[in-house]
Amino acid sequence: MTLDIPTLYVVLVLLNLLQMVALYVQYRINKSYDGVGWWLLWSTFEFFGFGFTLLRDIPGIFQVVATLQNTAIVLGTIFVYVGVARFLNIKENLSVIATILLLFFAGFFYFMFIEDSSDKRGIVINLALTAIAIVTAVTLLTNRISSINDMMKFIAVSLIVHGAVLLYRSYLMIWLPPSDDMFQPVFYNFLPFLMQ
């Protein structure tokens, strides 16, 4: 049996569904903790974002599906940051969120409608996700709670590693031959699965 990228996306969608159910249960049990509802939103948006990936090959709807898919994933990641800020009882930085979203949409739509390039859209998405991961990691490292300090450091380091992998993926997308299909079995198309 060969494990191709579309099959990995099916597995990823199923894993995100399980994660969404687990976070829903946590939300129902722990409504008093700020942030948990935002993490449930993150999981829901990731589920739909990765689910939309499976519809990319349907003729005539690629641009709509790609926009919904990537918007859901980027917004979901922002919800992680908002959830972390709320959990730590601090105000999320709306100007940082707005800047990341503005740059993401400007780059994404430019490389969708003006200069159609799957790799360049991928780089824009990677950079947006990296920026959000770094902002979230910095938020965790600068607002520590002593009782969960080790866990916060671990999550922050994980986010930094996640961002580094996405930057490495962007580097590969720049220097390796272009790939117009995210389902093509090239190394950098497998990288997102290593971080899930």
N, C-alpha and C. Protein backbone atom coordinates (compact mmCIF):
# COMPACT_ATOMS: atom_id res chain seq x y z
N MET A 1 0.84 -1.18 0.00
CA MET A 1 0.00 0.00 0.00
C MET A 1 0.88 1.25 0.00
N THR A 2 0.62 2.15 -0.92
CA THR A 2 1.36 3.41 -0.94
C THR A 2 0.54 4.48 -0.25
N LEU A 3 1.24 5.34 0.44
CA LEU A 3 0.59 6.43 1.14
C LEU A 3 0.82 7.71 0.34
N ASP A 4 -0.20 8.13 -0.38
CA ASP A 4 -0.06 9.34 -1.18
C ASP A 4 -0.62 10.54 -0.41
N ILE A 5 -0.39 11.73 -0.95
CA ILE A 5 -0.78 12.95 -0.24
C ILE A 5 -2.29 13.07 -0.06
N PRO A 6 -3.12 12.76 -1.08
CA PRO A 6 -4.58 12.83 -0.82
C PRO A 6 -5.02 11.90 0.32
N THR A 7 -4.42 10.71 0.41
CA THR A 7 -4.77 9.79 1.50
C THR A 7 -4.36 10.39 2.84
N LEU A 8 -3.19 11.03 2.89
CA LEU A 8 -2.75 11.67 4.12
C LEU A 8 -3.71 12.79 4.53
N TYR A 9 -4.25 13.51 3.55
CA TYR A 9 -5.23 14.56 3.87
C TYR A 9 -6.52 13.97 4.44
N VAL A 10 -6.94 12.82 3.94
CA VAL A 10 -8.13 12.16 4.50
C VAL A 10 -7.87 11.81 5.96
N VAL A 11 -6.69 11.25 6.24
CA VAL A 11 -6.32 10.91 7.62
C VAL A 11 -6.28 12.18 8.48
N LEU A 12 -5.71 13.25 7.93
CA LEU A 12 -5.61 14.52 8.65
C LEU A 12 -6.99 15.08 8.97
N VAL A 13 -7.92 14.99 8.03
CA VAL A 13 -9.28 15.47 8.27
C VAL A 13 -9.94 14.65 9.38
N LEU A 14 -9.74 13.34 9.36
CA LEU A 14 -10.32 12.48 10.41
C LEU A 14 -9.71 12.79 11.78
N LEU A 15 -8.39 13.00 11.81
CA LEU A 15 -7.74 13.37 13.07
C LEU A 15 -8.23 14.71 13.59
N ASN A 16 -8.44 15.67 12.68
CA ASN A 16 -8.97 16.97 13.09
C ASN A 16 -10.40 16.85 13.59
N LEU A 17 -11.17 15.93 13.03
CA LEU A 17 -12.53 15.70 13.52
C LEU A 17 -12.47 15.18 14.96
N LEU A 18 -11.59 14.23 15.23
CA LEU A 18 -11.44 13.71 16.61
C LEU A 18 -10.98 14.81 17.56
N GLN A 19 -10.05 15.63 17.10
CA GLN A 19 -9.57 16.73 17.93
C GLN A 19 -10.69 17.72 18.22
N MET A 20 -11.52 17.99 17.21
CA MET A 20 -12.63 18.92 17.39
C MET A 20 -13.63 18.37 18.43
N VAL A 21 -13.89 17.09 18.36
CA VAL A 21 -14.80 16.47 19.34
C VAL A 21 -14.21 16.56 20.74
N ALA A 22 -12.90 16.28 20.87
CA ALA A 22 -12.25 16.35 22.19
C ALA A 22 -12.29 17.78 22.74
N LEU A 23 -12.04 18.76 21.89
CA LEU A 23 -12.08 20.15 22.36
C LEU A 23 -13.51 20.60 22.66
N TYR A 24 -14.47 20.05 21.95
CA TYR A 24 -15.87 20.37 22.25
C TYR A 24 -16.22 19.86 23.66
N VAL A 25 -15.78 18.64 23.97
CA VAL A 25 -16.02 18.09 25.31
C VAL A 25 -15.33 18.96 26.36
N GLN A 26 -14.08 19.37 26.10
CA GLN A 26 -13.37 20.24 27.03
C GLN A 26 -14.10 21.57 27.20
N TYR A 27 -14.60 22.10 26.11
CA TYR A 27 -15.34 23.36 26.17
C TYR A 27 -16.59 23.22 27.02
N ARG A 28 -17.31 22.13 26.84
CA ARG A 28 -18.54 21.91 27.63
C ARG A 28 -18.22 21.76 29.11
N ILE A 29 -17.09 21.13 29.43
CA ILE A 29 -16.72 20.90 30.82
C ILE A 29 -16.11 22.17 31.45
N ASN A 30 -15.31 22.91 30.68
CA ASN A 30 -14.51 24.02 31.21
C ASN A 30 -14.90 25.37 30.64
N LYS A 31 -16.16 25.67 30.58
CA LYS A 31 -16.60 26.95 30.02
C LYS A 31 -16.07 28.14 30.82
N SER A 32 -15.71 27.91 32.07
CA SER A 32 -15.25 29.02 32.91
C SER A 32 -13.85 29.49 32.53
N TYR A 33 -13.09 28.66 31.82
CA TYR A 33 -11.74 29.06 31.40
C TYR A 33 -11.82 29.82 30.08
N ASP A 34 -11.34 31.06 30.11
CA ASP A 34 -11.27 31.82 28.87
C ASP A 34 -10.27 31.17 27.94
N GLY A 35 -10.59 31.11 26.68
CA GLY A 35 -9.67 30.57 25.69
C GLY A 35 -10.09 29.25 25.11
N VAL A 36 -10.74 28.40 25.89
CA VAL A 36 -11.08 27.06 25.43
C VAL A 36 -12.03 27.13 24.22
N GLY A 37 -12.99 28.04 24.26
CA GLY A 37 -13.90 28.21 23.12
C GLY A 37 -13.18 28.63 21.85
N TRP A 38 -12.14 29.46 22.00
CA TRP A 38 -11.34 29.88 20.84
C TRP A 38 -10.56 28.70 20.27
N TRP A 39 -10.09 27.81 21.13
CA TRP A 39 -9.36 26.64 20.64
C TRP A 39 -10.32 25.68 19.94
N LEU A 40 -11.55 25.62 20.41
CA LEU A 40 -12.57 24.82 19.70
C LEU A 40 -12.82 25.43 18.32
N LEU A 41 -12.90 26.75 18.24
CA LEU A 41 -13.04 27.42 16.94
C LEU A 41 -11.87 27.09 16.03
N TRP A 42 -10.64 27.13 16.60
CA TRP A 42 -9.45 26.77 15.82
C TRP A 42 -9.60 25.38 15.23
N SER A 43 -9.95 24.42 16.07
CA SER A 43 -10.06 23.05 15.62
C SER A 43 -11.14 22.89 14.55
N THR A 44 -12.24 23.60 14.71
CA THR A 44 -13.33 23.54 13.74
C THR A 44 -12.87 24.12 12.40
N PHE A 45 -12.19 25.26 12.44
CA PHE A 45 -11.71 25.87 11.19
C PHE A 45 -10.64 25.01 10.53
N GLU A 46 -9.77 24.37 11.32
CA GLU A 46 -8.77 23.48 10.75
C GLU A 46 -9.45 22.28 10.10
N PHE A 47 -10.46 21.73 10.74
CA PHE A 47 -11.20 20.60 10.17
C PHE A 47 -11.77 20.97 8.80
N PHE A 48 -12.42 22.12 8.73
CA PHE A 48 -12.99 22.53 7.45
C PHE A 48 -11.90 22.93 6.46
N GLY A 49 -10.85 23.57 6.94
CA GLY A 49 -9.75 23.96 6.05
C GLY A 49 -9.12 22.76 5.38
N PHE A 50 -8.77 21.76 6.16
CA PHE A 50 -8.18 20.55 5.57
C PHE A 50 -9.23 19.76 4.78
N GLY A 51 -10.48 19.83 5.21
CA GLY A 51 -11.54 19.17 4.45
C GLY A 51 -11.72 19.77 3.06
N PHE A 52 -11.64 21.10 2.97
CA PHE A 52 -11.75 21.75 1.66
C PHE A 52 -10.62 21.32 0.72
N THR A 53 -9.49 20.95 1.28
CA THR A 53 -8.36 20.50 0.46
C THR A 53 -8.77 19.33 -0.43
N LEU A 54 -9.63 18.48 0.08
CA LEU A 54 -10.05 17.30 -0.68
C LEU A 54 -10.94 17.66 -1.86
N LEU A 55 -11.41 18.91 -1.94
CA LEU A 55 -12.30 19.33 -3.03
C LEU A 55 -11.56 20.12 -4.11
N ARG A 56 -10.27 20.27 -3.98
CA ARG A 56 -9.50 21.14 -4.88
C ARG A 56 -9.50 20.68 -6.33
N ASP A 57 -9.67 19.40 -6.57
CA ASP A 57 -9.60 18.87 -7.94
C ASP A 57 -10.93 18.91 -8.68
N ILE A 58 -11.98 19.40 -8.04
CA ILE A 58 -13.27 19.50 -8.72
C ILE A 58 -13.19 20.64 -9.73
N PRO A 59 -13.46 20.36 -10.99
CA PRO A 59 -13.32 21.40 -12.02
C PRO A 59 -14.24 22.61 -11.77
N GLY A 60 -13.68 23.79 -11.99
CA GLY A 60 -14.46 25.02 -11.95
C GLY A 60 -14.60 25.68 -10.60
N ILE A 61 -14.18 25.02 -9.52
CA ILE A 61 -14.35 25.65 -8.20
C ILE A 61 -13.03 25.79 -7.45
N PHE A 62 -11.91 25.57 -8.14
CA PHE A 62 -10.62 25.59 -7.46
C PHE A 62 -10.38 26.88 -6.69
N GLN A 63 -10.61 28.03 -7.32
CA GLN A 63 -10.30 29.30 -6.66
C GLN A 63 -11.14 29.51 -5.41
N VAL A 64 -12.39 29.12 -5.47
CA VAL A 64 -13.26 29.25 -4.29
C VAL A 64 -12.79 28.31 -3.19
N VAL A 65 -12.53 27.07 -3.55
CA VAL A 65 -12.11 26.07 -2.57
C VAL A 65 -10.76 26.44 -1.95
N ALA A 66 -9.79 26.85 -2.78
CA ALA A 66 -8.47 27.23 -2.27
C ALA A 66 -8.57 28.42 -1.33
N THR A 67 -9.44 29.38 -1.67
CA THR A 67 -9.62 30.55 -0.80
C THR A 67 -10.23 30.15 0.53
N LEU A 68 -11.29 29.33 0.49
CA LEU A 68 -11.93 28.88 1.73
C LEU A 68 -10.97 28.04 2.57
N GLN A 69 -10.25 27.14 1.91
CA GLN A 69 -9.31 26.26 2.60
C GLN A 69 -8.26 27.06 3.35
N ASN A 70 -7.57 27.93 2.65
CA ASN A 70 -6.46 28.65 3.26
C ASN A 70 -6.91 29.72 4.24
N THR A 71 -8.04 30.35 3.96
CA THR A 71 -8.58 31.32 4.92
C THR A 71 -8.96 30.63 6.22
N ALA A 72 -9.58 29.45 6.12
CA ALA A 72 -9.96 28.71 7.33
C ALA A 72 -8.73 28.33 8.15
N ILE A 73 -7.67 27.90 7.49
CA ILE A 73 -6.47 27.48 8.21
C ILE A 73 -5.79 28.68 8.88
N VAL A 74 -5.68 29.80 8.17
CA VAL A 74 -5.05 30.99 8.75
C VAL A 74 -5.91 31.55 9.89
N LEU A 75 -7.22 31.65 9.68
CA LEU A 75 -8.09 32.14 10.76
C LEU A 75 -8.06 31.21 11.96
N GLY A 76 -8.05 29.90 11.69
CA GLY A 76 -7.97 28.94 12.79
C GLY A 76 -6.73 29.15 13.64
N THR A 77 -5.61 29.42 12.98
CA THR A 77 -4.37 29.65 13.70
C THR A 77 -4.44 30.94 14.51
N ILE A 78 -5.10 31.95 13.96
CA ILE A 78 -5.30 33.19 14.72
C ILE A 78 -6.15 32.92 15.96
N PHE A 79 -7.12 32.01 15.84
CA PHE A 79 -7.95 31.67 16.99
C PHE A 79 -7.13 31.02 18.10
N VAL A 80 -6.08 30.28 17.73
CA VAL A 80 -5.18 29.73 18.76
C VAL A 80 -4.55 30.87 19.54
N TYR A 81 -4.04 31.87 18.81
CA TYR A 81 -3.41 33.03 19.47
C TYR A 81 -4.41 33.75 20.37
N VAL A 82 -5.61 34.01 19.86
CA VAL A 82 -6.63 34.70 20.66
C VAL A 82 -6.96 33.87 21.89
N GLY A 83 -7.09 32.55 21.71
CA GLY A 83 -7.38 31.68 22.85
C GLY A 83 -6.29 31.72 23.90
N VAL A 84 -5.03 31.73 23.46
CA VAL A 84 -3.91 31.82 24.40
C VAL A 84 -3.96 33.15 25.15
N ALA A 85 -4.18 34.23 24.43
CA ALA A 85 -4.26 35.55 25.08
C ALA A 85 -5.38 35.58 26.10
N ARG A 86 -6.54 35.10 25.71
CA ARG A 86 -7.69 35.11 26.63
C ARG A 86 -7.44 34.21 27.84
N PHE A 87 -6.82 33.04 27.59
CA PHE A 87 -6.51 32.12 28.69
C PHE A 87 -5.57 32.79 29.70
N LEU A 88 -4.65 33.62 29.18
CA LEU A 88 -3.69 34.31 30.05
C LEU A 88 -4.23 35.63 30.58
N ASN A 89 -5.49 35.93 30.28
CA ASN A 89 -6.15 37.17 30.72
C ASN A 89 -5.44 38.43 30.24
N ILE A 90 -4.97 38.39 29.00
CA ILE A 90 -4.40 39.58 28.39
C ILE A 90 -5.18 39.88 27.10
N LYS A 91 -5.03 41.09 26.62
CA LYS A 91 -5.73 41.50 25.41
C LYS A 91 -4.90 41.11 24.20
N GLU A 92 -5.52 40.46 23.24
CA GLU A 92 -4.81 40.11 22.01
C GLU A 92 -4.49 41.39 21.24
N ASN A 93 -3.41 41.36 20.49
CA ASN A 93 -2.95 42.53 19.74
C ASN A 93 -3.68 42.57 18.40
N LEU A 94 -4.73 43.38 18.32
CA LEU A 94 -5.54 43.43 17.11
C LEU A 94 -4.79 44.01 15.93
N SER A 95 -3.85 44.92 16.18
CA SER A 95 -3.09 45.49 15.05
C SER A 95 -2.18 44.44 14.43
N VAL A 96 -1.62 43.55 15.23
CA VAL A 96 -0.79 42.47 14.70
C VAL A 96 -1.66 41.51 13.89
N ILE A 97 -2.82 41.16 14.42
CA ILE A 97 -3.74 40.27 13.71
C ILE A 97 -4.15 40.89 12.38
N ALA A 98 -4.54 42.17 12.41
CA ALA A 98 -4.98 42.85 11.19
C ALA A 98 -3.86 42.93 10.16
N THR A 99 -2.63 43.19 10.61
CA THR A 99 -1.49 43.28 9.69
C THR A 99 -1.22 41.93 9.03
N ILE A 100 -1.20 40.88 9.83
CA ILE A 100 -0.96 39.54 9.28
C ILE A 100 -2.05 39.18 8.27
N LEU A 101 -3.32 39.43 8.63
CA LEU A 101 -4.41 39.11 7.71
C LEU A 101 -4.35 39.93 6.43
N LEU A 102 -4.05 41.21 6.56
CA LEU A 102 -3.96 42.08 5.38
C LEU A 102 -2.86 41.59 4.44
N LEU A 103 -1.68 41.31 4.98
CA LEU A 103 -0.57 40.83 4.15
C LEU A 103 -0.89 39.46 3.55
N PHE A 104 -1.52 38.59 4.34
CA PHE A 104 -1.89 37.27 3.84
C PHE A 104 -2.84 37.39 2.66
N PHE A 105 -3.95 38.13 2.85
CA PHE A 105 -4.94 38.24 1.77
C PHE A 105 -4.36 38.94 0.54
N ALA A 106 -3.56 39.99 0.75
CA ALA A 106 -2.96 40.70 -0.39
C ALA A 106 -2.07 39.76 -1.20
N GLY A 107 -1.19 39.03 -0.51
CA GLY A 107 -0.31 38.10 -1.21
C GLY A 107 -1.05 36.93 -1.82
N PHE A 108 -1.97 36.36 -1.05
CA PHE A 108 -2.71 35.19 -1.54
C PHE A 108 -3.51 35.54 -2.80
N PHE A 109 -4.26 36.63 -2.76
CA PHE A 109 -5.08 36.99 -3.92
C PHE A 109 -4.22 37.45 -5.10
N TYR A 110 -3.09 38.09 -4.82
CA TYR A 110 -2.20 38.47 -5.92
C TYR A 110 -1.72 37.23 -6.66
N PHE A 111 -1.27 36.21 -5.90
CA PHE A 111 -0.75 35.00 -6.53
C PHE A 111 -1.85 34.02 -6.93
N MET A 112 -3.11 34.39 -6.70
CA MET A 112 -4.23 33.60 -7.20
C MET A 112 -4.77 34.21 -8.50
N PHE A 113 -4.98 35.53 -8.51
CA PHE A 113 -5.69 36.15 -9.62
C PHE A 113 -4.82 36.95 -10.58
N ILE A 114 -3.67 37.44 -10.13
CA ILE A 114 -2.83 38.26 -11.00
C ILE A 114 -1.67 37.44 -11.55
N GLU A 115 -0.90 36.83 -10.67
CA GLU A 115 0.21 35.97 -11.09
C GLU A 115 -0.04 34.59 -10.49
N ASP A 116 -0.77 33.77 -11.18
CA ASP A 116 -1.17 32.47 -10.64
C ASP A 116 0.05 31.59 -10.37
N SER A 117 0.30 31.35 -9.08
CA SER A 117 1.44 30.54 -8.69
C SER A 117 1.12 29.81 -7.39
N SER A 118 0.97 28.51 -7.49
CA SER A 118 0.66 27.69 -6.31
C SER A 118 1.79 27.77 -5.28
N ASP A 119 3.04 27.70 -5.74
CA ASP A 119 4.17 27.75 -4.81
C ASP A 119 4.23 29.10 -4.09
N LYS A 120 4.01 30.19 -4.82
CA LYS A 120 4.08 31.51 -4.18
C LYS A 120 2.92 31.71 -3.21
N ARG A 121 1.75 31.17 -3.53
CA ARG A 121 0.64 31.20 -2.56
C ARG A 121 1.03 30.40 -1.32
N GLY A 122 1.67 29.26 -1.54
CA GLY A 122 2.12 28.44 -0.42
C GLY A 122 3.10 29.18 0.48
N ILE A 123 4.00 29.93 -0.13
CA ILE A 123 4.96 30.71 0.65
C ILE A 123 4.25 31.78 1.47
N VAL A 124 3.26 32.45 0.87
CA VAL A 124 2.49 33.47 1.59
C VAL A 124 1.78 32.84 2.79
N ILE A 125 1.18 31.68 2.58
CA ILE A 125 0.48 30.99 3.66
C ILE A 125 1.48 30.58 4.75
N ASN A 126 2.61 30.01 4.35
CA ASN A 126 3.64 29.62 5.32
C ASN A 126 4.10 30.80 6.16
N LEU A 127 4.32 31.94 5.51
CA LEU A 127 4.78 33.13 6.24
C LEU A 127 3.72 33.63 7.22
N ALA A 128 2.45 33.61 6.80
CA ALA A 128 1.38 34.04 7.70
C ALA A 128 1.30 33.12 8.92
N LEU A 129 1.35 31.81 8.67
CA LEU A 129 1.26 30.84 9.77
C LEU A 129 2.48 30.95 10.70
N THR A 130 3.64 31.20 10.11
CA THR A 130 4.86 31.38 10.92
C THR A 130 4.72 32.62 11.80
N ALA A 131 4.25 33.71 11.23
CA ALA A 131 4.09 34.95 12.01
C ALA A 131 3.14 34.73 13.18
N ILE A 132 2.04 34.05 12.94
CA ILE A 132 1.07 33.80 14.02
C ILE A 132 1.69 32.89 15.08
N ALA A 133 2.42 31.87 14.65
CA ALA A 133 3.07 30.96 15.61
C ALA A 133 4.06 31.72 16.48
N ILE A 134 4.84 32.61 15.88
CA ILE A 134 5.83 33.38 16.65
C ILE A 134 5.15 34.33 17.63
N VAL A 135 4.10 35.00 17.18
CA VAL A 135 3.35 35.92 18.06
C VAL A 135 2.77 35.14 19.24
N THR A 136 2.23 33.96 18.97
CA THR A 136 1.67 33.13 20.04
C THR A 136 2.76 32.66 21.00
N ALA A 137 3.91 32.24 20.45
CA ALA A 137 5.02 31.80 21.30
C ALA A 137 5.52 32.93 22.19
N VAL A 138 5.67 34.12 21.62
CA VAL A 138 6.13 35.28 22.41
C VAL A 138 5.11 35.60 23.51
N THR A 139 3.83 35.51 23.18
CA THR A 139 2.78 35.75 24.18
C THR A 139 2.90 34.77 25.33
N LEU A 140 3.15 33.51 25.01
CA LEU A 140 3.32 32.50 26.06
C LEU A 140 4.57 32.75 26.90
N LEU A 141 5.66 33.13 26.26
CA LEU A 141 6.92 33.31 26.98
C LEU A 141 6.97 34.58 27.81
N THR A 142 6.16 35.57 27.46
CA THR A 142 6.20 36.84 28.19
C THR A 142 5.08 37.00 29.21
N ASN A 143 4.22 36.02 29.32
CA ASN A 143 3.08 36.08 30.25
C ASN A 143 2.94 34.77 31.00
N ARG A 144 4.01 34.33 31.62
CA ARG A 144 4.03 33.01 32.22
C ARG A 144 3.18 32.92 33.49
N ILE A 145 2.64 31.73 33.69
CA ILE A 145 1.93 31.39 34.92
C ILE A 145 2.78 30.33 35.61
N SER A 146 3.19 30.60 36.83
CA SER A 146 4.18 29.73 37.48
C SER A 146 3.73 28.27 37.57
N SER A 147 2.45 28.02 37.80
CA SER A 147 1.99 26.65 37.98
C SER A 147 2.03 25.83 36.69
N ILE A 148 2.05 26.49 35.55
CA ILE A 148 2.11 25.77 34.27
C ILE A 148 3.26 26.29 33.40
N ASN A 149 4.28 26.82 34.04
CA ASN A 149 5.41 27.43 33.34
C ASN A 149 6.10 26.47 32.37
N ASP A 150 6.36 25.24 32.81
CA ASP A 150 7.05 24.27 31.94
C ASP A 150 6.21 23.94 30.71
N MET A 151 4.91 23.77 30.90
CA MET A 151 4.03 23.48 29.78
C MET A 151 4.00 24.66 28.80
N MET A 152 3.97 25.87 29.32
CA MET A 152 3.94 27.05 28.46
C MET A 152 5.22 27.16 27.64
N LYS A 153 6.37 26.87 28.26
CA LYS A 153 7.64 26.90 27.54
C LYS A 153 7.67 25.82 26.45
N PHE A 154 7.17 24.63 26.78
CA PHE A 154 7.13 23.54 25.81
C PHE A 154 6.27 23.91 24.60
N ILE A 155 5.09 24.48 24.85
CA ILE A 155 4.21 24.88 23.75
C ILE A 155 4.87 25.99 22.93
N ALA A 156 5.50 26.95 23.60
CA ALA A 156 6.17 28.04 22.88
C ALA A 156 7.29 27.50 21.98
N VAL A 157 8.09 26.59 22.50
CA VAL A 157 9.16 26.00 21.69
C VAL A 157 8.57 25.21 20.52
N SER A 158 7.48 24.49 20.78
CA SER A 158 6.81 23.75 19.70
C SER A 158 6.34 24.70 18.60
N LEU A 159 5.80 25.84 18.98
CA LEU A 159 5.34 26.83 17.99
C LEU A 159 6.52 27.41 17.20
N ILE A 160 7.63 27.63 17.88
CA ILE A 160 8.81 28.15 17.19
C ILE A 160 9.35 27.11 16.20
N VAL A 161 9.37 25.85 16.60
CA VAL A 161 9.80 24.78 15.69
C VAL A 161 8.84 24.68 14.50
N HIS A 162 7.55 24.78 14.78
CA HIS A 162 6.53 24.76 13.73
C HIS A 162 6.79 25.88 12.72
N GLY A 163 7.05 27.08 13.20
CA GLY A 163 7.36 28.20 12.32
C GLY A 163 8.64 27.97 11.53
N ALA A 164 9.65 27.38 12.17
CA ALA A 164 10.92 27.10 11.48
C ALA A 164 10.72 26.09 10.35
N VAL A 165 9.90 25.07 10.59
CA VAL A 165 9.62 24.09 9.54
C VAL A 165 8.89 24.75 8.37
N LEU A 166 7.95 25.64 8.67
CA LEU A 166 7.24 26.35 7.60
C LEU A 166 8.18 27.27 6.83
N LEU A 167 9.13 27.90 7.50
CA LEU A 167 10.13 28.71 6.81
C LEU A 167 11.01 27.85 5.92
N TYR A 168 11.39 26.69 6.43
CA TYR A 168 12.19 25.75 5.63
C TYR A 168 11.40 25.29 4.41
N ARG A 169 10.12 25.04 4.60
CA ARG A 169 9.26 24.66 3.47
C ARG A 169 9.22 25.78 2.43
N SER A 170 9.13 27.02 2.89
CA SER A 170 9.13 28.16 1.98
C SER A 170 10.45 28.22 1.21
N TYR A 171 11.55 28.00 1.92
CA TYR A 171 12.87 27.98 1.28
C TYR A 171 12.90 26.93 0.16
N LEU A 172 12.39 25.74 0.46
CA LEU A 172 12.36 24.68 -0.56
C LEU A 172 11.47 25.07 -1.74
N MET A 173 10.36 25.73 -1.46
CA MET A 173 9.46 26.14 -2.53
C MET A 173 10.11 27.19 -3.44
N ILE A 174 11.03 27.96 -2.89
CA ILE A 174 11.73 28.96 -3.70
C ILE A 174 12.80 28.29 -4.58
N TRP A 175 13.54 27.35 -4.01
CA TRP A 175 14.73 26.83 -4.70
C TRP A 175 14.51 25.54 -5.47
N LEU A 176 13.50 24.77 -5.13
CA LEU A 176 13.25 23.54 -5.89
C LEU A 176 12.38 23.86 -7.10
N PRO A 177 12.35 22.97 -8.08
CA PRO A 177 11.48 23.21 -9.24
C PRO A 177 10.04 23.41 -8.79
N PRO A 178 9.30 24.34 -9.43
CA PRO A 178 7.93 24.63 -9.00
C PRO A 178 7.00 23.43 -9.12
N SER A 179 6.04 23.39 -8.23
CA SER A 179 5.02 22.35 -8.23
C SER A 179 3.65 23.02 -8.27
N ASP A 180 2.91 22.78 -9.33
CA ASP A 180 1.59 23.40 -9.46
C ASP A 180 0.51 22.64 -8.69
N ASP A 181 0.86 21.50 -8.15
CA ASP A 181 -0.13 20.64 -7.51
C ASP A 181 0.33 20.29 -6.10
N MET A 182 -0.48 20.69 -5.11
CA MET A 182 -0.10 20.39 -3.72
C MET A 182 -0.18 18.90 -3.40
N PHE A 183 -0.79 18.12 -4.30
CA PHE A 183 -0.84 16.67 -4.11
C PHE A 183 0.33 15.95 -4.77
N GLN A 184 1.20 16.70 -5.45
CA GLN A 184 2.37 16.11 -6.08
C GLN A 184 3.32 15.62 -4.99
N PRO A 185 3.84 14.40 -5.12
CA PRO A 185 4.67 13.84 -4.04
C PRO A 185 6.10 14.39 -4.02
N VAL A 186 6.22 15.68 -3.75
CA VAL A 186 7.54 16.28 -3.55
C VAL A 186 7.72 16.48 -2.04
N PHE A 187 8.98 16.54 -1.61
CA PHE A 187 9.28 16.56 -0.18
C PHE A 187 8.53 17.64 0.58
N TYR A 188 8.51 18.87 0.05
CA TYR A 188 7.89 19.96 0.82
C TYR A 188 6.38 19.84 0.91
N ASN A 189 5.75 19.00 0.07
CA ASN A 189 4.32 18.76 0.22
C ASN A 189 4.02 17.76 1.34
N PHE A 190 5.03 17.00 1.75
CA PHE A 190 4.87 16.08 2.87
C PHE A 190 5.15 16.75 4.22
N LEU A 191 5.90 17.86 4.20
CA LEU A 191 6.30 18.51 5.45
C LEU A 191 5.13 18.88 6.38
N PRO A 192 4.01 19.41 5.86
CA PRO A 192 2.93 19.77 6.79
C PRO A 192 2.41 18.60 7.63
N PHE A 193 2.56 17.39 7.12
CA PHE A 193 2.05 16.23 7.87
C PHE A 193 2.96 15.88 9.03
N LEU A 194 4.22 16.27 8.96
CA LEU A 194 5.14 16.00 10.06
C LEU A 194 4.81 16.84 11.29
N MET A 195 4.11 17.94 11.08
CA MET A 195 3.81 18.86 12.19
C MET A 195 2.43 18.64 12.79
N GLN A 196 1.70 17.68 12.29
CA GLN A 196 0.34 17.49 12.80
C GLN A 196 0.27 16.52 13.93
